[in-house]
Amino acid sequence: MSSSRVGLRLAACLLNVSEAGRKYIVENIAKAALLDKNGKKHPQVSVLNIFSDQDYKRSVITIATSVDKLVDKRNQA
């Protein structure tokens, strides 16, 4: 069976943060990825995972969104 429907294309970002001991800092960084500058939630942005390694004092936050929602700001004044 074939389908003419194109699937959703996703972009993912693995954000490495030099913090693991203070959970609230890592959570605030993850929350910032979900919100715009006015504090409104981006509709198609998700934090998929937060992994913190206490031994190495590092955290990795996995963020994903639709490719169609990305904006190229290099050419904007």
PDB file of N, CA and C in Angstrom:
ATOM      1  N   MET A   1       0.850  -1.172   0.000  1.00  0.00           N
ATOM      2  CA  MET A   1       0.000   0.000   0.000  1.00  0.00           C
ATOM      3  C   MET A   1       0.892   1.230   0.000  1.00  0.00           C
ATOM      4  N   SER A   2       0.586   2.177  -0.856  1.00  0.00           N
ATOM      5  CA  SER A   2       1.363   3.409  -0.904  1.00  0.00           C
ATOM      6  C   SER A   2       0.476   4.578  -0.514  1.00  0.00           C
ATOM      7  N   SER A   3       1.124   5.641  -0.115  1.00  0.00           N
ATOM      8  CA  SER A   3       0.393   6.827   0.316  1.00  0.00           C
ATOM      9  C   SER A   3       1.034   8.058  -0.302  1.00  0.00           C
ATOM     10  N   SER A   4       0.217   9.015  -0.680  1.00  0.00           N
ATOM     11  CA  SER A   4       0.743  10.257  -1.235  1.00  0.00           C
ATOM     12  C   SER A   4       0.989  11.284  -0.130  1.00  0.00           C
ATOM     13  N   ARG A   5       0.625  10.957   1.092  1.00  0.00           N
ATOM     14  CA  ARG A   5       0.789  11.881   2.219  1.00  0.00           C
ATOM     15  C   ARG A   5       2.257  11.953   2.644  1.00  0.00           C
ATOM     16  N   VAL A   6       2.745  13.168   2.767  1.00  0.00           N
ATOM     17  CA  VAL A   6       4.124  13.380   3.197  1.00  0.00           C
ATOM     18  C   VAL A   6       4.136  13.431   4.714  1.00  0.00           C
ATOM     19  N   GLY A   7       5.063  12.734   5.326  1.00  0.00           N
ATOM     20  CA  GLY A   7       5.151  12.716   6.779  1.00  0.00           C
ATOM     21  C   GLY A   7       5.701  14.015   7.337  1.00  0.00           C
ATOM     22  N   LEU A   8       5.516  14.191   8.610  1.00  0.00           N
ATOM     23  CA  LEU A   8       6.017  15.367   9.317  1.00  0.00           C
ATOM     24  C   LEU A   8       7.530  15.290   9.413  1.00  0.00           C
ATOM     25  N   ARG A   9       8.209  16.348   8.989  1.00  0.00           N
ATOM     26  CA  ARG A   9       9.669  16.400   9.075  1.00  0.00           C
ATOM     27  C   ARG A   9      10.041  17.121  10.359  1.00  0.00           C
ATOM     28  N   LEU A  10      10.899  16.509  11.153  1.00  0.00           N
ATOM     29  CA  LEU A  10      11.291  17.070  12.440  1.00  0.00           C
ATOM     30  C   LEU A  10      12.744  17.498  12.449  1.00  0.00           C
ATOM     31  N   ALA A  11      13.011  18.510  13.245  1.00  0.00           N
ATOM     32  CA  ALA A  11      14.382  18.932  13.538  1.00  0.00           C
ATOM     33  C   ALA A  11      14.578  18.717  15.026  1.00  0.00           C
ATOM     34  N   ALA A  12      15.715  18.165  15.389  1.00  0.00           N
ATOM     35  CA  ALA A  12      16.016  17.912  16.804  1.00  0.00           C
ATOM     36  C   ALA A  12      17.306  18.614  17.185  1.00  0.00           C
ATOM     37  N   CYS A  13      17.371  19.038  18.418  1.00  0.00           N
ATOM     38  CA  CYS A  13      18.548  19.696  18.961  1.00  0.00           C
ATOM     39  C   CYS A  13      18.905  19.015  20.274  1.00  0.00           C
ATOM     40  N   LEU A  14      20.152  18.610  20.412  1.00  0.00           N
ATOM     41  CA  LEU A  14      20.643  18.070  21.670  1.00  0.00           C
ATOM     42  C   LEU A  14      21.486  19.145  22.321  1.00  0.00           C
ATOM     43  N   LEU A  15      20.933  19.756  23.341  1.00  0.00           N
ATOM     44  CA  LEU A  15      21.569  20.873  24.023  1.00  0.00           C
ATOM     45  C   LEU A  15      22.358  20.347  25.222  1.00  0.00           C
ATOM     46  N   ASN A  16      23.673  20.532  25.203  1.00  0.00           N
ATOM     47  CA  ASN A  16      24.536  20.109  26.302  1.00  0.00           C
ATOM     48  C   ASN A  16      24.748  21.272  27.257  1.00  0.00           C
ATOM     49  N   VAL A  17      24.483  21.040  28.531  1.00  0.00           N
ATOM     50  CA  VAL A  17      24.569  22.078  29.542  1.00  0.00           C
ATOM     51  C   VAL A  17      25.527  21.620  30.638  1.00  0.00           C
ATOM     52  N   SER A  18      26.417  22.510  31.043  1.00  0.00           N
ATOM     53  CA  SER A  18      27.383  22.184  32.106  1.00  0.00           C
ATOM     54  C   SER A  18      26.747  22.384  33.479  1.00  0.00           C
ATOM     55  N   GLU A  19      25.710  21.629  33.729  1.00  0.00           N
ATOM     56  CA  GLU A  19      24.994  21.695  35.004  1.00  0.00           C
ATOM     57  C   GLU A  19      24.219  20.401  35.175  1.00  0.00           C
ATOM     58  N   ALA A  20      24.300  19.812  36.352  1.00  0.00           N
ATOM     59  CA  ALA A  20      23.512  18.614  36.633  1.00  0.00           C
ATOM     60  C   ALA A  20      23.028  18.601  38.077  1.00  0.00           C
ATOM     61  N   GLY A  21      23.742  19.277  38.953  1.00  0.00           N
ATOM     62  CA  GLY A  21      23.412  19.225  40.375  1.00  0.00           C
ATOM     63  C   GLY A  21      22.194  20.044  40.754  1.00  0.00           C
ATOM     64  N   ARG A  22      21.999  21.159  40.066  1.00  0.00           N
ATOM     65  CA  ARG A  22      20.853  22.032  40.384  1.00  0.00           C
ATOM     66  C   ARG A  22      19.768  21.803  39.334  1.00  0.00           C
ATOM     67  N   LYS A  23      18.867  20.889  39.668  1.00  0.00           N
ATOM     68  CA  LYS A  23      17.822  20.451  38.745  1.00  0.00           C
ATOM     69  C   LYS A  23      16.974  21.614  38.234  1.00  0.00           C
ATOM     70  N   TYR A  24      16.718  22.601  39.084  1.00  0.00           N
ATOM     71  CA  TYR A  24      15.854  23.716  38.689  1.00  0.00           C
ATOM     72  C   TYR A  24      16.475  24.527  37.546  1.00  0.00           C
ATOM     73  N   ILE A  25      17.796  24.615  37.484  1.00  0.00           N
ATOM     74  CA  ILE A  25      18.445  25.342  36.393  1.00  0.00           C
ATOM     75  C   ILE A  25      18.235  24.606  35.068  1.00  0.00           C
ATOM     76  N   VAL A  26      18.451  23.310  35.076  1.00  0.00           N
ATOM     77  CA  VAL A  26      18.265  22.504  33.864  1.00  0.00           C
ATOM     78  C   VAL A  26      16.805  22.562  33.415  1.00  0.00           C
ATOM     79  N   GLU A  27      15.875  22.473  34.360  1.00  0.00           N
ATOM     80  CA  GLU A  27      14.456  22.536  34.016  1.00  0.00           C
ATOM     81  C   GLU A  27      14.079  23.907  33.458  1.00  0.00           C
ATOM     82  N   ASN A  28      14.655  24.976  33.996  1.00  0.00           N
ATOM     83  CA  ASN A  28      14.374  26.321  33.477  1.00  0.00           C
ATOM     84  C   ASN A  28      14.888  26.493  32.050  1.00  0.00           C
ATOM     85  N   ILE A  29      16.029  25.905  31.746  1.00  0.00           N
ATOM     86  CA  ILE A  29      16.554  25.960  30.381  1.00  0.00           C
ATOM     87  C   ILE A  29      15.610  25.204  29.442  1.00  0.00           C
ATOM     88  N   ALA A  30      15.143  24.045  29.873  1.00  0.00           N
ATOM     89  CA  ALA A  30      14.200  23.268  29.055  1.00  0.00           C
ATOM     90  C   ALA A  30      12.898  24.042  28.857  1.00  0.00           C
ATOM     91  N   LYS A  31      12.399  24.677  29.895  1.00  0.00           N
ATOM     92  CA  LYS A  31      11.168  25.473  29.775  1.00  0.00           C
ATOM     93  C   LYS A  31      11.364  26.646  28.828  1.00  0.00           C
ATOM     94  N   ALA A  32      12.546  27.261  28.845  1.00  0.00           N
ATOM     95  CA  ALA A  32      12.822  28.392  27.945  1.00  0.00           C
ATOM     96  C   ALA A  32      12.743  27.974  26.483  1.00  0.00           C
ATOM     97  N   ALA A  33      13.082  26.735  26.187  1.00  0.00           N
ATOM     98  CA  ALA A  33      12.999  26.247  24.803  1.00  0.00           C
ATOM     99  C   ALA A  33      11.548  26.145  24.336  1.00  0.00           C
ATOM    100  N   LEU A  34      10.630  26.025  25.267  1.00  0.00           N
ATOM    101  CA  LEU A  34       9.215  25.855  24.932  1.00  0.00           C
ATOM    102  C   LEU A  34       8.463  27.164  24.769  1.00  0.00           C
ATOM    103  N   LEU A  35       9.061  28.272  25.230  1.00  0.00           N
ATOM    104  CA  LEU A  35       8.351  29.548  25.273  1.00  0.00           C
ATOM    105  C   LEU A  35       8.976  30.587  24.353  1.00  0.00           C
ATOM    106  N   ASP A  36       8.142  31.488  23.839  1.00  0.00           N
ATOM    107  CA  ASP A  36       8.677  32.605  23.064  1.00  0.00           C
ATOM    108  C   ASP A  36       9.069  33.730  24.024  1.00  0.00           C
ATOM    109  N   LYS A  37       9.511  34.860  23.484  1.00  0.00           N
ATOM    110  CA  LYS A  37      10.008  35.940  24.338  1.00  0.00           C
ATOM    111  C   LYS A  37       8.911  36.573  25.192  1.00  0.00           C
ATOM    112  N   ASN A  38       7.640  36.330  24.841  1.00  0.00           N
ATOM    113  CA  ASN A  38       6.515  36.858  25.625  1.00  0.00           C
ATOM    114  C   ASN A  38       5.958  35.838  26.615  1.00  0.00           C
ATOM    115  N   GLY A  39       6.594  34.679  26.692  1.00  0.00           N
ATOM    116  CA  GLY A  39       6.155  33.660  27.636  1.00  0.00           C
ATOM    117  C   GLY A  39       5.043  32.757  27.131  1.00  0.00           C
ATOM    118  N   LYS A  40       4.691  32.872  25.840  1.00  0.00           N
ATOM    119  CA  LYS A  40       3.673  32.005  25.256  1.00  0.00           C
ATOM    120  C   LYS A  40       4.337  30.746  24.714  1.00  0.00           C
ATOM    121  N   LYS A  41       3.642  29.607  24.857  1.00  0.00           N
ATOM    122  CA  LYS A  41       4.208  28.339  24.409  1.00  0.00           C
ATOM    123  C   LYS A  41       4.259  28.264  22.889  1.00  0.00           C
ATOM    124  N   HIS A  42       5.414  27.827  22.390  1.00  0.00           N
ATOM    125  CA  HIS A  42       5.528  27.523  20.964  1.00  0.00           C
ATOM    126  C   HIS A  42       4.665  26.282  20.720  1.00  0.00           C
ATOM    127  N   PRO A  43       3.749  26.321  19.770  1.00  0.00           N
ATOM    128  CA  PRO A  43       2.782  25.229  19.620  1.00  0.00           C
ATOM    129  C   PRO A  43       3.360  23.880  19.209  1.00  0.00           C
ATOM    130  N   GLN A  44       4.457  23.863  18.472  1.00  0.00           N
ATOM    131  CA  GLN A  44       4.967  22.568  17.992  1.00  0.00           C
ATOM    132  C   GLN A  44       6.377  22.270  18.479  1.00  0.00           C
ATOM    133  N   VAL A  45       6.755  22.800  19.620  1.00  0.00           N
ATOM    134  CA  VAL A  45       8.067  22.513  20.189  1.00  0.00           C
ATOM    135  C   VAL A  45       7.879  21.568  21.365  1.00  0.00           C
ATOM    136  N   SER A  46       8.715  20.546  21.437  1.00  0.00           N
ATOM    137  CA  SER A  46       8.634  19.587  22.536  1.00  0.00           C
ATOM    138  C   SER A  46      10.012  19.314  23.105  1.00  0.00           C
ATOM    139  N   VAL A  47      10.080  19.185  24.411  1.00  0.00           N
ATOM    140  CA  VAL A  47      11.272  18.667  25.073  1.00  0.00           C
ATOM    141  C   VAL A  47      11.045  17.166  25.181  1.00  0.00           C
ATOM    142  N   LEU A  48      11.864  16.406  24.471  1.00  0.00           N
ATOM    143  CA  LEU A  48      11.677  14.961  24.423  1.00  0.00           C
ATOM    144  C   LEU A  48      12.331  14.247  25.590  1.00  0.00           C
ATOM    145  N   ASN A  49      13.444  14.793  26.075  1.00  0.00           N
ATOM    146  CA  ASN A  49      14.179  14.101  27.122  1.00  0.00           C
ATOM    147  C   ASN A  49      15.117  15.072  27.829  1.00  0.00           C
ATOM    148  N   ILE A  50      15.323  14.824  29.107  1.00  0.00           N
ATOM    149  CA  ILE A  50      16.366  15.518  29.874  1.00  0.00           C
ATOM    150  C   ILE A  50      17.161  14.438  30.584  1.00  0.00           C
ATOM    151  N   PHE A  51      18.451  14.383  30.289  1.00  0.00           N
ATOM    152  CA  PHE A  51      19.341  13.421  30.945  1.00  0.00           C
ATOM    153  C   PHE A  51      20.423  14.195  31.682  1.00  0.00           C
ATOM    154  N   SER A  52      20.558  13.939  32.972  1.00  0.00           N
ATOM    155  CA  SER A  52      21.590  14.597  33.773  1.00  0.00           C
ATOM    156  C   SER A  52      22.534  13.546  34.342  1.00  0.00           C
ATOM    157  N   ASP A  53      23.831  13.806  34.206  1.00  0.00           N
ATOM    158  CA  ASP A  53      24.863  12.914  34.728  1.00  0.00           C
ATOM    159  C   ASP A  53      25.578  13.631  35.864  1.00  0.00           C
ATOM    160  N   GLN A  54      25.303  13.207  37.080  1.00  0.00           N
ATOM    161  CA  GLN A  54      25.874  13.845  38.265  1.00  0.00           C
ATOM    162  C   GLN A  54      27.399  13.708  38.307  1.00  0.00           C
ATOM    163  N   ASP A  55      27.926  12.574  37.868  1.00  0.00           N
ATOM    164  CA  ASP A  55      29.374  12.348  37.913  1.00  0.00           C
ATOM    165  C   ASP A  55      30.137  13.332  37.035  1.00  0.00           C
ATOM    166  N   TYR A  56      29.596  13.626  35.855  1.00  0.00           N
ATOM    167  CA  TYR A  56      30.260  14.521  34.916  1.00  0.00           C
ATOM    168  C   TYR A  56      29.721  15.945  34.966  1.00  0.00           C
ATOM    169  N   LYS A  57      28.717  16.175  35.819  1.00  0.00           N
ATOM    170  CA  LYS A  57      28.121  17.508  35.991  1.00  0.00           C
ATOM    171  C   LYS A  57      27.652  18.094  34.650  1.00  0.00           C
ATOM    172  N   ARG A  58      26.974  17.244  33.869  1.00  0.00           N
ATOM    173  CA  ARG A  58      26.483  17.634  32.555  1.00  0.00           C
ATOM    174  C   ARG A  58      25.040  17.176  32.395  1.00  0.00           C
ATOM    175  N   SER A  59      24.290  17.933  31.619  1.00  0.00           N
ATOM    176  CA  SER A  59      22.934  17.543  31.250  1.00  0.00           C
ATOM    177  C   SER A  59      22.775  17.688  29.749  1.00  0.00           C
ATOM    178  N   VAL A  60      21.933  16.845  29.180  1.00  0.00           N
ATOM    179  CA  VAL A  60      21.593  16.923  27.766  1.00  0.00           C
ATOM    180  C   VAL A  60      20.077  17.045  27.676  1.00  0.00           C
ATOM    181  N   ILE A  61      19.628  18.092  26.995  1.00  0.00           N
ATOM    182  CA  ILE A  61      18.204  18.339  26.793  1.00  0.00           C
ATOM    183  C   ILE A  61      17.917  18.122  25.312  1.00  0.00           C
ATOM    184  N   THR A  62      16.969  17.232  25.001  1.00  0.00           N
ATOM    185  CA  THR A  62      16.611  16.949  23.616  1.00  0.00           C
ATOM    186  C   THR A  62      15.323  17.695  23.289  1.00  0.00           C
ATOM    187  N   ILE A  63      15.409  18.570  22.284  1.00  0.00           N
ATOM    188  CA  ILE A  63      14.303  19.432  21.875  1.00  0.00           C
ATOM    189  C   ILE A  63      13.978  19.122  20.416  1.00  0.00           C
ATOM    190  N   ALA A  64      12.678  19.076  20.082  1.00  0.00           N
ATOM    191  CA  ALA A  64      12.282  18.816  18.692  1.00  0.00           C
ATOM    192  C   ALA A  64      11.151  19.745  18.278  1.00  0.00           C
ATOM    193  N   THR A  65      11.111  20.026  16.977  1.00  0.00           N
ATOM    194  CA  THR A  65      10.023  20.818  16.389  1.00  0.00           C
ATOM    195  C   THR A  65       9.876  20.443  14.925  1.00  0.00           C
ATOM    196  N   SER A  66       8.803  20.897  14.333  1.00  0.00           N
ATOM    197  CA  SER A  66       8.590  20.700  12.912  1.00  0.00           C
ATOM    198  C   SER A  66       9.571  21.570  12.135  1.00  0.00           C
ATOM    199  N   VAL A  67      10.141  21.032  11.080  1.00  0.00           N
ATOM    200  CA  VAL A  67      11.055  21.798  10.238  1.00  0.00           C
ATOM    201  C   VAL A  67      10.344  23.029   9.678  1.00  0.00           C
ATOM    202  N   ASP A  68       9.066  22.898   9.420  1.00  0.00           N
ATOM    203  CA  ASP A  68       8.299  24.012   8.856  1.00  0.00           C
ATOM    204  C   ASP A  68       8.170  25.186   9.824  1.00  0.00           C
ATOM    205  N   LYS A  69       8.388  24.975  11.104  1.00  0.00           N
ATOM    206  CA  LYS A  69       8.261  26.043  12.098  1.00  0.00           C
ATOM    207  C   LYS A  69       9.576  26.789  12.334  1.00  0.00           C
ATOM    208  N   LEU A  70      10.665  26.309  11.732  1.00  0.00           N
ATOM    209  CA  LEU A  70      11.956  26.969  11.906  1.00  0.00           C
ATOM    210  C   LEU A  70      12.011  28.233  11.065  1.00  0.00           C
ATOM    211  N   VAL A  71      12.659  29.257  11.581  1.00  0.00           N
ATOM    212  CA  VAL A  71      12.774  30.542  10.896  1.00  0.00           C
ATOM    213  C   VAL A  71      14.248  30.852  10.689  1.00  0.00           C
ATOM    214  N   ASP A  72      14.605  31.219   9.477  1.00  0.00           N
ATOM    215  CA  ASP A  72      15.969  31.623   9.170  1.00  0.00           C
ATOM    216  C   ASP A  72      16.076  33.122   9.427  1.00  0.00           C
ATOM    217  N   LYS A  73      16.767  33.500  10.505  1.00  0.00           N
ATOM    218  CA  LYS A  73      16.870  34.917  10.878  1.00  0.00           C
ATOM    219  C   LYS A  73      18.152  35.564  10.389  1.00  0.00           C
ATOM    220  N   ARG A  74      18.931  34.856   9.580  1.00  0.00           N
ATOM    221  CA  ARG A  74      20.197  35.421   9.096  1.00  0.00           C
ATOM    222  C   ARG A  74      19.976  36.616   8.193  1.00  0.00           C
ATOM    223  N   ASN A  75      18.891  36.625   7.431  1.00  0.00           N
ATOM    224  CA  ASN A  75      18.666  37.698   6.466  1.00  0.00           C
ATOM    225  C   ASN A  75      17.625  38.708   6.922  1.00  0.00           C
ATOM    226  N   GLN A  76      17.236  38.633   8.186  1.00  0.00           N
ATOM    227  CA  GLN A  76      16.264  39.600   8.714  1.00  0.00           C
ATOM    228  C   GLN A  76      16.988  40.749   9.382  1.00  0.00           C
ATOM    229  N   ALA A  77      16.518  41.961   9.149  1.00  0.00           N
ATOM    230  CA  ALA A  77      17.162  43.143   9.737  1.00  0.00           C
ATOM    231  C   ALA A  77      16.599  43.444  11.091  1.00  0.00           C
TER     232      ALA A  77
END
